[in-house]
C-alpha atoms as a PDB file:
ATOM      1  CA  MET A   1      86.103  76.510  95.560  1.00  0.00           C
ATOM      2  CA  TYR A   2      85.636  79.683  93.427  1.00  0.00           C
ATOM      3  CA  LYS A   3      82.345  80.585  95.530  1.00  0.00           C
ATOM      4  CA  VAL A   4      84.678  80.446  98.601  1.00  0.00           C
ATOM      5  CA  TYR A   5      87.089  82.930  97.346  1.00  0.00           C
ATOM      6  CA  PHE A   6      84.101  85.394  96.011  1.00  0.00           C
ATOM      7  CA  SER A   7      82.399  85.279  99.408  1.00  0.00           C
ATOM      8  CA  ILE A   8      85.815  85.791 101.275  1.00  0.00           C
ATOM      9  CA  LEU A   9      86.395  88.708  98.622  1.00  0.00           C
ATOM     10  CA  GLY A  10      82.832  90.111  99.370  1.00  0.00           C
ATOM     11  CA  ILE A  11      83.008  90.158 102.801  1.00  0.00           C
ATOM     12  CA  CYS A  12      86.556  91.881 102.669  1.00  0.00           C
ATOM     13  CA  ALA A  13      85.329  94.491 100.283  1.00  0.00           C
ATOM     14  CA  GLY A  14      81.996  95.055 102.550  1.00  0.00           C
ATOM     15  CA  LEU A  15      84.486  95.692 105.607  1.00  0.00           C
ATOM     16  CA  LEU A  16      85.935  98.814 103.738  1.00  0.00           C
ATOM     17  CA  VAL A  17      82.700 100.082 103.132  1.00  0.00           C
ATOM     18  CA  PRO A  18      81.918 101.765 106.335  1.00  0.00           C
ATOM     19  CA  PHE A  19      85.422 103.428 106.824  1.00  0.00           C
ATOM     20  CA  GLN A  20      84.736 104.803 103.091  1.00  0.00           C
ATOM     21  CA  ALA A  21      81.793 106.367 104.478  1.00  0.00           C
ATOM     22  CA  ILE A  22      83.233 107.591 107.819  1.00  0.00           C
ATOM     23  CA  ILE A  23      86.729 108.996 106.057  1.00  0.00           C
ATOM     24  CA  ASN A  24      84.698 110.758 103.206  1.00  0.00           C
ATOM     25  CA  SER A  25      82.135 112.232 106.123  1.00  0.00           C
ATOM     26  CA  LYS A  26      84.948 113.338 108.202  1.00  0.00           C
ATOM     27  CA  LEU A  27      86.807 114.926 105.608  1.00  0.00           C
ATOM     28  CA  SER A  28      83.782 116.382 104.555  1.00  0.00           C
ATOM     29  CA  SER A  29      83.295 118.159 107.996  1.00  0.00           C
ATOM     30  CA  GLU A  30      87.055 119.228 107.827  1.00  0.00           C
ATOM     31  CA  LEU A  31      87.084 120.916 104.029  1.00  0.00           C
ATOM     32  CA  GLY A  32      83.147 122.190 104.885  1.00  0.00           C
ATOM     33  CA  HIS A  33      81.568 120.610 102.063  1.00  0.00           C
ATOM     34  CA  PRO A  34      80.403 116.791 100.619  1.00  0.00           C
ATOM     35  CA  LEU A  35      81.009 118.108  97.236  1.00  0.00           C
ATOM     36  CA  ILE A  36      84.920 118.452  98.154  1.00  0.00           C
ATOM     37  CA  ALA A  37      85.033 115.490 100.003  1.00  0.00           C
ATOM     38  CA  ALA A  38      83.367 113.395  97.393  1.00  0.00           C
ATOM     39  CA  PHE A  39      85.868 114.889  94.582  1.00  0.00           C
ATOM     40  CA  ILE A  40      88.983 114.318  96.449  1.00  0.00           C
ATOM     41  CA  SER A  41      87.716 110.623  97.077  1.00  0.00           C
ATOM     42  CA  PHE A  42      87.216 110.438  93.488  1.00  0.00           C
ATOM     43  CA  THR A  43      90.164 111.897  92.260  1.00  0.00           C
ATOM     44  CA  GLY A  44      92.279 109.386  94.652  1.00  0.00           C
ATOM     45  CA  GLY A  45      90.345 106.748  92.870  1.00  0.00           C
ATOM     46  CA  PHE A  46      91.043 107.844  89.608  1.00  0.00           C
ATOM     47  CA  LEU A  47      95.018 108.344  90.043  1.00  0.00           C
ATOM     48  CA  VAL A  48      95.017 104.806  91.455  1.00  0.00           C
ATOM     49  CA  PHE A  49      93.358 103.568  88.271  1.00  0.00           C
ATOM     50  CA  LEU A  50      95.212 105.723  85.840  1.00  0.00           C
ATOM     51  CA  LEU A  51      98.589 104.890  87.211  1.00  0.00           C
ATOM     52  CA  LEU A  52      97.376 101.292  86.888  1.00  0.00           C
ATOM     53  CA  MET A  53      96.303 101.468  83.384  1.00  0.00           C
ATOM     54  CA  LEU A  54      99.593 103.689  82.603  1.00  0.00           C
ATOM     55  CA  PHE A  55     101.773 101.098  84.341  1.00  0.00           C
ATOM     56  CA  GLY A  56      99.994  97.605  84.628  1.00  0.00           C
ATOM     57  CA  PRO A  57      99.632  95.142  82.492  1.00  0.00           C
ATOM     58  CA  VAL A  58      96.216  96.163  81.099  1.00  0.00           C
ATOM     59  CA  LYS A  59      95.934  99.115  78.544  1.00  0.00           C
ATOM     60  CA  PHE A  60      93.511 101.669  78.246  1.00  0.00           C
ATOM     61  CA  PRO A  61      91.033 100.401  75.088  1.00  0.00           C
ATOM     62  CA  PRO A  62      90.708 102.654  71.748  1.00  0.00           C
ATOM     63  CA  ILE A  63      88.415 105.292  71.716  1.00  0.00           C
ATOM     64  CA  ALA A  64      86.686 103.784  68.593  1.00  0.00           C
ATOM     65  CA  GLN A  65      86.186 101.087  70.991  1.00  0.00           C
ATOM     66  CA  LEU A  66      84.698 103.062  73.857  1.00  0.00           C
ATOM     67  CA  ALA A  67      82.247 104.375  71.010  1.00  0.00           C
ATOM     68  CA  THR A  68      80.615 101.073  70.368  1.00  0.00           C
ATOM     69  CA  VAL A  69      79.723 100.533  74.360  1.00  0.00           C
ATOM     70  CA  ASN A  70      76.248 100.976  75.478  1.00  0.00           C
ATOM     71  CA  PRO A  71      76.247 104.176  77.166  1.00  0.00           C
ATOM     72  CA  LEU A  72      74.540 102.743  80.152  1.00  0.00           C
ATOM     73  CA  LEU A  73      77.643 100.457  80.454  1.00  0.00           C
ATOM     74  CA  LEU A  74      79.438 103.552  81.289  1.00  0.00           C
ATOM     75  CA  SER A  75      77.431 105.073  83.951  1.00  0.00           C
ATOM     76  CA  GLY A  76      78.982 103.046  86.917  1.00  0.00           C
ATOM     77  CA  GLY A  77      81.112 106.286  87.787  1.00  0.00           C
ATOM     78  CA  LEU A  78      77.838 108.243  87.906  1.00  0.00           C
ATOM     79  CA  LEU A  79      76.402 105.905  90.024  1.00  0.00           C
ATOM     80  CA  GLY A  80      79.347 105.329  92.551  1.00  0.00           C
ATOM     81  CA  SER A  81      79.740 109.087  92.754  1.00  0.00           C
ATOM     82  CA  CYS A  82      76.066 109.572  93.867  1.00  0.00           C
ATOM     83  CA  PHE A  83      76.641 106.429  96.265  1.00  0.00           C
ATOM     84  CA  VAL A  84      79.479 108.268  97.950  1.00  0.00           C
ATOM     85  CA  PHE A  85      78.023 111.635  98.349  1.00  0.00           C
ATOM     86  CA  ALA A  86      74.878 110.188  99.821  1.00  0.00           C
ATOM     87  CA  ALA A  87      76.992 108.392 102.377  1.00  0.00           C
ATOM     88  CA  ILE A  88      79.061 111.563 103.078  1.00  0.00           C
ATOM     89  CA  ILE A  89      75.747 113.417 104.171  1.00  0.00           C
ATOM     90  CA  ALA A  90      73.769 110.693 105.607  1.00  0.00           C
ATOM     91  CA  VAL A  91      76.674 108.803 107.952  1.00  0.00           C
ATOM     92  CA  PRO A  92      77.154 111.963 110.257  1.00  0.00           C
ATOM     93  CA  LYS A  93      73.317 112.214 110.895  1.00  0.00           C
ATOM     94  CA  ILE A  94      72.477 108.708 111.140  1.00  0.00           C
ATOM     95  CA  GLY A  95      75.932 106.486 112.007  1.00  0.00           C
ATOM     96  CA  SER A  96      77.236 103.778 110.172  1.00  0.00           C
ATOM     97  CA  THR A  97      75.685 101.023 111.042  1.00  0.00           C
ATOM     98  CA  ALA A  98      72.162 102.643 110.444  1.00  0.00           C
ATOM     99  CA  TRP A  99      73.657 103.783 107.113  1.00  0.00           C
ATOM    100  CA  ILE A 100      74.963 100.193 106.061  1.00  0.00           C
ATOM    101  CA  SER A 101      72.137  98.610 106.998  1.00  0.00           C
ATOM    102  CA  LEU A 102      69.982 100.824 104.657  1.00  0.00           C
ATOM    103  CA  ILE A 103      72.276 100.231 101.689  1.00  0.00           C
ATOM    104  CA  ILE A 104      72.418  96.836 101.871  1.00  0.00           C
ATOM    105  CA  ALA A 105      68.524  96.566 102.193  1.00  0.00           C
ATOM    106  CA  GLY A 106      68.208  98.716  99.156  1.00  0.00           C
ATOM    107  CA  GLN A 107      70.932  96.553  97.458  1.00  0.00           C
ATOM    108  CA  LEU A 108      69.230  93.650  97.879  1.00  0.00           C
ATOM    109  CA  LEU A 109      65.724  94.981  96.944  1.00  0.00           C
ATOM    110  CA  MET A 110      66.984  95.909  93.623  1.00  0.00           C
ATOM    111  CA  SER A 111      69.520  92.910  93.196  1.00  0.00           C
ATOM    112  CA  LEU A 112      66.446  90.951  93.478  1.00  0.00           C
ATOM    113  CA  VAL A 113      64.170  92.656  91.150  1.00  0.00           C
ATOM    114  CA  LEU A 114      67.516  93.186  88.822  1.00  0.00           C
ATOM    115  CA  ASP A 115      67.867  89.084  88.951  1.00  0.00           C
ATOM    116  CA  HIS A 116      64.164  88.762  88.366  1.00  0.00           C
ATOM    117  CA  TYR A 117      64.146  90.182  84.980  1.00  0.00           C
ATOM    118  CA  GLY A 118      67.656  89.192  84.263  1.00  0.00           C
ATOM    119  CA  VAL A 119      68.705  93.339  83.456  1.00  0.00           C
ATOM    120  CA  LEU A 120      71.606  93.457  81.610  1.00  0.00           C
ATOM    121  CA  GLY A 121      72.143  89.587  80.553  1.00  0.00           C
ATOM    122  CA  LEU A 122      72.088  88.614  84.183  1.00  0.00           C
ATOM    123  CA  PRO A 123      71.111  85.092  84.717  1.00  0.00           C
ATOM    124  CA  ILE A 124      67.400  84.873  85.649  1.00  0.00           C
ATOM    125  CA  LYS A 125      66.639  84.152  88.802  1.00  0.00           C
ATOM    126  CA  ALA A 126      63.041  84.599  89.543  1.00  0.00           C
ATOM    127  CA  ILE A 127      61.683  86.357  92.746  1.00  0.00           C
ATOM    128  CA  ASN A 128      60.328  83.499  94.961  1.00  0.00           C
ATOM    129  CA  ILE A 129      59.015  82.971  98.546  1.00  0.00           C
ATOM    130  CA  TYR A 130      62.250  82.307 100.018  1.00  0.00           C
ATOM    131  CA  ARG A 131      64.213  85.153  98.385  1.00  0.00           C
ATOM    132  CA  SER A 132      61.243  87.118  99.510  1.00  0.00           C
ATOM    133  CA  LEU A 133      61.234  86.041 102.804  1.00  0.00           C
ATOM    134  CA  GLY A 134      65.056  86.635 102.784  1.00  0.00           C
ATOM    135  CA  VAL A 135      64.590  90.318 101.711  1.00  0.00           C
ATOM    136  CA  LEU A 136      61.871  90.719 104.473  1.00  0.00           C
ATOM    137  CA  MET A 137      63.945  89.330 107.273  1.00  0.00           C
ATOM    138  CA  LEU A 138      66.773  91.607 106.160  1.00  0.00           C
ATOM    139  CA  PHE A 139      64.311  94.508 106.320  1.00  0.00           C
ATOM    140  CA  SER A 140      63.073  93.674 109.591  1.00  0.00           C
ATOM    141  CA  GLY A 141      66.842  93.520 110.898  1.00  0.00           C
ATOM    142  CA  THR A 142      67.570  96.748 109.368  1.00  0.00           C
ATOM    143  CA  TYR A 143      64.090  98.457 111.043  1.00  0.00           C
ATOM    144  CA  LEU A 144      65.681  97.096 114.217  1.00  0.00           C
ATOM    145  CA  ILE A 145      68.940  98.325 113.775  1.00  0.00           C
ATOM    146  CA  ILE A 146      67.436 102.146 113.069  1.00  0.00           C
ATOM    147  CA  LYS A 147      64.930 102.053 115.721  1.00  0.00           C
ATOM    148  CA  PHE A 148      67.396 101.019 118.766  1.00  0.00           C
END
């Protein structure tokens, strides 16, 4: 049952990504620069999570605990900002469908490698012919989307 729940959650989250890219791209054109749009996007997200941390059931951990965390684990926001900034620049040029197909292809390729090596404690799932064929089919679909 939990697989169904997380499958639905993943699909719902995926439905939001094209909207985020389009909204941020339009904001960039309205305000004149992708950095401004990215800043506003992340400020909005920051404020939502700040309010949740201040008034919600989960409290921010002590600074001493944060100091013990592997610095690589604190880079999620940096990676997210690169993703959002790239979307703001690319979507007006190549369109939402091409952008989403390219990021899914990139995500799948990197995920395949990360799973294969069990990076950061992931369960190891070796690259095999079936997984490789799945990635190849996705790349073929991405090619068709971009070409036509």
